[in-house]
Amino acid sequence: MLTVEQVMASQKANIETLLALTAKAFEGVEKIVELNMSASKAALTETGDTAKAMLSVKDVQELLALQSGLLQPLAEKTAAYSRHLYEIATGASSEFTKAFESQAAEAQQQFSGMVDAAAQNAPAGSETAVAMMKSSVAAATSALESVQKAVKQATEVAEANFNAVASTATAKPAAKKR
């Protein structure tokens, strides 16, 4: 069974993990704020430049050329912003996933140790119950691993879809420009 020292060590490790994850979450928020500030500054500058360029337009053809010239860079900047935002989110998410997997593995080891200790100290004649308990633990472990694999695969599919959409979004305006 677990001793008081083991429980305290486990609680301390959990608190340290929570603090580290909180720091990572704040780091992600800081990166998003920095990205938004940078994008806002760039948009403000570009808006001023565009306004100046529009004021210097002499005819309709020049205005149409100016407007069409703005669409491709806007699509590219939007896609770049989305990619950067996605990278920040997936980076933070991967930290949380790693911490969860580590905690789950540690909890599984502790639980397996408790089951083994209980099996060793079980009274004679309880072999069937012990075998059922070990079988249940193995089934639960297998189910947890399956869920983790499914989540990882779903994440990979979502990432591939995002990348495909992002590349399509930047490719379409380029094709229209021709």
C-alpha atoms as a PDB file:
ATOM      1  CA  MET A   1       0.000   0.000   0.000  1.00  0.00           C
ATOM      2  CA  LEU A   2       0.984   3.637  -0.335  1.00  0.00           C
ATOM      3  CA  THR A   3       2.782   5.291   2.535  1.00  0.00           C
ATOM      4  CA  VAL A   4       2.172   8.836   3.743  1.00  0.00           C
ATOM      5  CA  GLU A   5       5.511   9.863   2.215  1.00  0.00           C
ATOM      6  CA  GLN A   6       4.506   8.441  -1.179  1.00  0.00           C
ATOM      7  CA  VAL A   7       1.166  10.258  -1.086  1.00  0.00           C
ATOM      8  CA  MET A   8       2.877  13.529  -0.120  1.00  0.00           C
ATOM      9  CA  ALA A   9       5.483  13.096  -2.872  1.00  0.00           C
ATOM     10  CA  SER A  10       2.711  12.414  -5.383  1.00  0.00           C
ATOM     11  CA  GLN A  11       0.783  15.510  -4.274  1.00  0.00           C
ATOM     12  CA  LYS A  12       3.925  17.636  -4.501  1.00  0.00           C
ATOM     13  CA  ALA A  13       4.602  16.348  -8.007  1.00  0.00           C
ATOM     14  CA  ASN A  14       0.982  17.097  -8.995  1.00  0.00           C
ATOM     15  CA  ILE A  15       1.254  20.673  -7.691  1.00  0.00           C
ATOM     16  CA  GLU A  16       4.546  21.190  -9.545  1.00  0.00           C
ATOM     17  CA  THR A  17       2.948  19.871 -12.732  1.00  0.00           C
ATOM     18  CA  LEU A  18      -0.059  22.158 -12.265  1.00  0.00           C
ATOM     19  CA  LEU A  19       2.201  25.185 -11.746  1.00  0.00           C
ATOM     20  CA  ALA A  20       4.265  24.297 -14.818  1.00  0.00           C
ATOM     21  CA  LEU A  21       1.128  23.908 -16.934  1.00  0.00           C
ATOM     22  CA  THR A  22      -0.237  27.203 -15.648  1.00  0.00           C
ATOM     23  CA  ALA A  23       3.020  28.884 -16.646  1.00  0.00           C
ATOM     24  CA  LYS A  24       2.763  27.288 -20.110  1.00  0.00           C
ATOM     25  CA  ALA A  25      -0.832  28.508 -20.440  1.00  0.00           C
ATOM     26  CA  PHE A  26       0.236  32.065 -19.588  1.00  0.00           C
ATOM     27  CA  GLU A  27       3.122  31.756 -22.038  1.00  0.00           C
ATOM     28  CA  GLY A  28       0.629  30.794 -24.748  1.00  0.00           C
ATOM     29  CA  VAL A  29      -1.602  33.754 -23.891  1.00  0.00           C
ATOM     30  CA  GLU A  30       1.436  36.075 -24.022  1.00  0.00           C
ATOM     31  CA  LYS A  31       2.329  34.747 -27.476  1.00  0.00           C
ATOM     32  CA  ILE A  32      -1.231  35.324 -28.688  1.00  0.00           C
ATOM     33  CA  VAL A  33      -1.221  38.872 -27.290  1.00  0.00           C
ATOM     34  CA  GLU A  34       2.138  39.546 -29.001  1.00  0.00           C
ATOM     35  CA  LEU A  35       0.812  38.135 -32.283  1.00  0.00           C
ATOM     36  CA  ASN A  36      -2.331  40.269 -32.060  1.00  0.00           C
ATOM     37  CA  MET A  37      -0.347  43.406 -31.218  1.00  0.00           C
ATOM     38  CA  SER A  38       2.008  42.802 -34.121  1.00  0.00           C
ATOM     39  CA  ALA A  39      -0.891  42.123 -36.496  1.00  0.00           C
ATOM     40  CA  SER A  40      -2.722  45.238 -35.273  1.00  0.00           C
ATOM     41  CA  LYS A  41       0.344  47.452 -35.767  1.00  0.00           C
ATOM     42  CA  ALA A  42       0.882  46.048 -39.254  1.00  0.00           C
ATOM     43  CA  ALA A  43      -2.800  46.515 -40.132  1.00  0.00           C
ATOM     44  CA  LEU A  44      -2.732  50.117 -38.915  1.00  0.00           C
ATOM     45  CA  THR A  45       0.345  50.895 -40.987  1.00  0.00           C
ATOM     46  CA  GLU A  46      -1.100  49.185 -44.062  1.00  0.00           C
ATOM     47  CA  THR A  47      -4.420  50.988 -43.648  1.00  0.00           C
ATOM     48  CA  GLY A  48      -2.591  54.317 -43.652  1.00  0.00           C
ATOM     49  CA  ASP A  49      -0.556  53.338 -46.706  1.00  0.00           C
ATOM     50  CA  THR A  50      -3.675  52.144 -48.531  1.00  0.00           C
ATOM     51  CA  ALA A  51      -5.563  55.338 -47.704  1.00  0.00           C
ATOM     52  CA  LYS A  52      -2.680  57.434 -49.038  1.00  0.00           C
ATOM     53  CA  ALA A  53      -2.511  55.305 -52.182  1.00  0.00           C
ATOM     54  CA  MET A  54      -6.274  55.641 -52.747  1.00  0.00           C
ATOM     55  CA  LEU A  55      -6.086  59.389 -52.379  1.00  0.00           C
ATOM     56  CA  SER A  56      -3.462  59.544 -55.098  1.00  0.00           C
ATOM     57  CA  VAL A  57      -5.522  57.472 -57.594  1.00  0.00           C
ATOM     58  CA  LYS A  58      -6.216  59.363 -60.813  1.00  0.00           C
ATOM     59  CA  ASP A  59      -8.751  57.118 -62.590  1.00  0.00           C
ATOM     60  CA  VAL A  60     -11.001  54.056 -62.200  1.00  0.00           C
ATOM     61  CA  GLN A  61      -8.492  51.646 -63.776  1.00  0.00           C
ATOM     62  CA  GLU A  62      -5.844  52.675 -61.285  1.00  0.00           C
ATOM     63  CA  LEU A  63      -8.340  52.227 -58.431  1.00  0.00           C
ATOM     64  CA  LEU A  64      -9.311  48.739 -59.652  1.00  0.00           C
ATOM     65  CA  ALA A  65      -5.656  47.766 -60.011  1.00  0.00           C
ATOM     66  CA  LEU A  66      -4.948  49.020 -56.493  1.00  0.00           C
ATOM     67  CA  GLN A  67      -7.897  47.084 -55.052  1.00  0.00           C
ATOM     68  CA  SER A  68      -7.025  43.833 -56.817  1.00  0.00           C
ATOM     69  CA  GLY A  69      -3.404  44.220 -55.718  1.00  0.00           C
ATOM     70  CA  LEU A  70      -4.551  44.311 -52.086  1.00  0.00           C
ATOM     71  CA  LEU A  71      -6.457  41.005 -52.140  1.00  0.00           C
ATOM     72  CA  GLN A  72      -3.544  38.556 -52.532  1.00  0.00           C
ATOM     73  CA  PRO A  73      -1.401  40.038 -49.727  1.00  0.00           C
ATOM     74  CA  LEU A  74      -4.482  40.137 -47.474  1.00  0.00           C
ATOM     75  CA  ALA A  75      -5.192  36.436 -48.092  1.00  0.00           C
ATOM     76  CA  GLU A  76      -1.551  35.553 -47.465  1.00  0.00           C
ATOM     77  CA  LYS A  77      -1.397  37.598 -44.257  1.00  0.00           C
ATOM     78  CA  THR A  78      -4.639  36.073 -43.008  1.00  0.00           C
ATOM     79  CA  ALA A  79      -3.324  32.571 -43.698  1.00  0.00           C
ATOM     80  CA  ALA A  80       0.001  33.379 -42.014  1.00  0.00           C
ATOM     81  CA  TYR A  81      -1.814  34.770 -38.970  1.00  0.00           C
ATOM     82  CA  SER A  82      -4.006  31.659 -38.780  1.00  0.00           C
ATOM     83  CA  ARG A  83      -0.971  29.365 -39.078  1.00  0.00           C
ATOM     84  CA  HIS A  84       0.868  31.244 -36.333  1.00  0.00           C
ATOM     85  CA  LEU A  85      -2.178  31.164 -34.065  1.00  0.00           C
ATOM     86  CA  TYR A  86      -2.586  27.446 -34.769  1.00  0.00           C
ATOM     87  CA  GLU A  87       1.084  26.805 -33.947  1.00  0.00           C
ATOM     88  CA  ILE A  88       0.709  28.585 -30.610  1.00  0.00           C
ATOM     89  CA  ALA A  89      -2.415  26.587 -29.783  1.00  0.00           C
ATOM     90  CA  THR A  90      -0.936  23.226 -30.789  1.00  0.00           C
ATOM     91  CA  GLY A  91       2.288  23.968 -28.884  1.00  0.00           C
ATOM     92  CA  ALA A  92       0.351  24.636 -25.696  1.00  0.00           C
ATOM     93  CA  SER A  93      -1.896  21.657 -26.333  1.00  0.00           C
ATOM     94  CA  SER A  94       1.072  19.328 -26.763  1.00  0.00           C
ATOM     95  CA  GLU A  95       2.463  20.429 -23.393  1.00  0.00           C
ATOM     96  CA  PHE A  96      -0.848  19.616 -21.729  1.00  0.00           C
ATOM     97  CA  THR A  97      -1.042  16.279 -23.558  1.00  0.00           C
ATOM     98  CA  LYS A  98       2.475  15.308 -22.462  1.00  0.00           C
ATOM     99  CA  ALA A  99       1.677  16.191 -18.858  1.00  0.00           C
ATOM    100  CA  PHE A 100      -1.581  14.228 -18.978  1.00  0.00           C
ATOM    101  CA  GLU A 101       0.105  11.173 -20.484  1.00  0.00           C
ATOM    102  CA  SER A 102       2.870  11.334 -17.888  1.00  0.00           C
ATOM    103  CA  GLN A 103       0.399  11.668 -15.012  1.00  0.00           C
ATOM    104  CA  ALA A 104      -1.788   8.883 -16.413  1.00  0.00           C
ATOM    105  CA  ALA A 105       1.205   6.548 -16.763  1.00  0.00           C
ATOM    106  CA  GLU A 106       2.332   7.291 -13.215  1.00  0.00           C
ATOM    107  CA  ALA A 107      -1.163   6.747 -11.828  1.00  0.00           C
ATOM    108  CA  GLN A 108      -1.430   3.500 -13.767  1.00  0.00           C
ATOM    109  CA  GLN A 109       1.887   2.277 -12.320  1.00  0.00           C
ATOM    110  CA  GLN A 110       0.795   3.170  -8.804  1.00  0.00           C
ATOM    111  CA  PHE A 111      -2.528   1.419  -9.245  1.00  0.00           C
ATOM    112  CA  SER A 112      -0.853  -1.661 -10.709  1.00  0.00           C
ATOM    113  CA  GLY A 113       1.523  -1.690  -7.721  1.00  0.00           C
ATOM    114  CA  MET A 114      -1.431  -1.533  -5.353  1.00  0.00           C
ATOM    115  CA  VAL A 115      -3.155  -4.405  -7.183  1.00  0.00           C
ATOM    116  CA  ASP A 116       0.037  -6.485  -7.069  1.00  0.00           C
ATOM    117  CA  ALA A 117       0.481  -5.752  -3.348  1.00  0.00           C
ATOM    118  CA  ALA A 118      -3.135  -6.691  -2.684  1.00  0.00           C
ATOM    119  CA  ALA A 119      -2.697  -9.892  -4.700  1.00  0.00           C
ATOM    120  CA  GLN A 120       0.371 -10.886  -2.694  1.00  0.00           C
ATOM    121  CA  ASN A 121      -1.438 -10.285   0.584  1.00  0.00           C
ATOM    122  CA  ALA A 122      -4.711 -11.891  -0.499  1.00  0.00           C
ATOM    123  CA  PRO A 123      -5.941 -14.812   1.562  1.00  0.00           C
ATOM    124  CA  ALA A 124      -5.670 -18.323   0.210  1.00  0.00           C
ATOM    125  CA  GLY A 125      -8.519 -19.295  -2.105  1.00  0.00           C
ATOM    126  CA  SER A 126      -8.976 -15.820  -3.574  1.00  0.00           C
ATOM    127  CA  GLU A 127      -6.913 -16.500  -6.696  1.00  0.00           C
ATOM    128  CA  THR A 128      -9.967 -16.185  -8.966  1.00  0.00           C
ATOM    129  CA  ALA A 129     -10.857 -12.763  -7.574  1.00  0.00           C
ATOM    130  CA  VAL A 130      -7.249 -11.603  -7.916  1.00  0.00           C
ATOM    131  CA  ALA A 131      -7.120 -12.857 -11.512  1.00  0.00           C
ATOM    132  CA  MET A 132     -10.358 -10.989 -12.286  1.00  0.00           C
ATOM    133  CA  MET A 133      -8.961  -7.826 -10.719  1.00  0.00           C
ATOM    134  CA  LYS A 134      -5.744  -8.066 -12.764  1.00  0.00           C
ATOM    135  CA  SER A 135      -7.777  -8.732 -15.906  1.00  0.00           C
ATOM    136  CA  SER A 136      -9.927  -5.661 -15.229  1.00  0.00           C
ATOM    137  CA  VAL A 137      -6.827  -3.503 -14.731  1.00  0.00           C
ATOM    138  CA  ALA A 138      -5.345  -4.798 -17.991  1.00  0.00           C
ATOM    139  CA  ALA A 139      -8.617  -4.064 -19.839  1.00  0.00           C
ATOM    140  CA  ALA A 140      -8.788  -0.538 -18.392  1.00  0.00           C
ATOM    141  CA  THR A 141      -5.168   0.089 -19.371  1.00  0.00           C
ATOM    142  CA  SER A 142      -5.848  -1.124 -22.891  1.00  0.00           C
ATOM    143  CA  ALA A 143      -8.932   1.082 -23.172  1.00  0.00           C
ATOM    144  CA  LEU A 144      -6.985   4.137 -21.974  1.00  0.00           C
ATOM    145  CA  GLU A 145      -4.228   3.476 -24.498  1.00  0.00           C
ATOM    146  CA  SER A 146      -6.821   3.119 -27.274  1.00  0.00           C
ATOM    147  CA  VAL A 147      -8.419   6.440 -26.347  1.00  0.00           C
ATOM    148  CA  GLN A 148      -5.010   8.148 -26.277  1.00  0.00           C
ATOM    149  CA  LYS A 149      -4.181   6.743 -29.722  1.00  0.00           C
ATOM    150  CA  ALA A 150      -7.555   7.850 -31.105  1.00  0.00           C
ATOM    151  CA  VAL A 151      -7.088  11.382 -29.750  1.00  0.00           C
ATOM    152  CA  LYS A 152      -3.582  11.539 -31.220  1.00  0.00           C
ATOM    153  CA  GLN A 153      -4.847  10.341 -34.618  1.00  0.00           C
ATOM    154  CA  ALA A 154      -7.736  12.827 -34.569  1.00  0.00           C
ATOM    155  CA  THR A 155      -5.288  15.612 -33.750  1.00  0.00           C
ATOM    156  CA  GLU A 156      -3.048  14.603 -36.642  1.00  0.00           C
ATOM    157  CA  VAL A 157      -6.018  14.516 -39.049  1.00  0.00           C
ATOM    158  CA  ALA A 158      -7.185  17.941 -37.855  1.00  0.00           C
ATOM    159  CA  GLU A 159      -3.687  19.340 -38.319  1.00  0.00           C
ATOM    160  CA  ALA A 160      -3.444  17.885 -41.836  1.00  0.00           C
ATOM    161  CA  ASN A 161      -6.853  19.342 -42.710  1.00  0.00           C
ATOM    162  CA  PHE A 162      -5.859  22.752 -41.336  1.00  0.00           C
ATOM    163  CA  ASN A 163      -2.654  22.727 -43.383  1.00  0.00           C
ATOM    164  CA  ALA A 164      -4.577  21.712 -46.516  1.00  0.00           C
ATOM    165  CA  VAL A 165      -7.135  24.493 -46.033  1.00  0.00           C
ATOM    166  CA  ALA A 166      -4.393  27.039 -45.338  1.00  0.00           C
ATOM    167  CA  SER A 167      -2.464  26.112 -48.475  1.00  0.00           C
ATOM    168  CA  THR A 168      -5.663  26.150 -50.551  1.00  0.00           C
ATOM    169  CA  ALA A 169      -6.625  29.574 -49.193  1.00  0.00           C
ATOM    170  CA  THR A 170      -3.341  31.102 -50.296  1.00  0.00           C
ATOM    171  CA  ALA A 171      -3.289  29.275 -53.629  1.00  0.00           C
ATOM    172  CA  LYS A 172      -6.776  30.324 -54.833  1.00  0.00           C
ATOM    173  CA  PRO A 173      -6.199  34.104 -54.862  1.00  0.00           C
ATOM    174  CA  ALA A 174      -2.933  33.528 -56.742  1.00  0.00           C
ATOM    175  CA  ALA A 175      -4.775  31.492 -59.371  1.00  0.00           C
ATOM    176  CA  LYS A 176      -7.422  34.210 -59.820  1.00  0.00           C
ATOM    177  CA  LYS A 177      -4.758  36.863 -60.327  1.00  0.00           C
ATOM    178  CA  ARG A 178      -3.510  35.211 -63.545  1.00  0.00           C
END
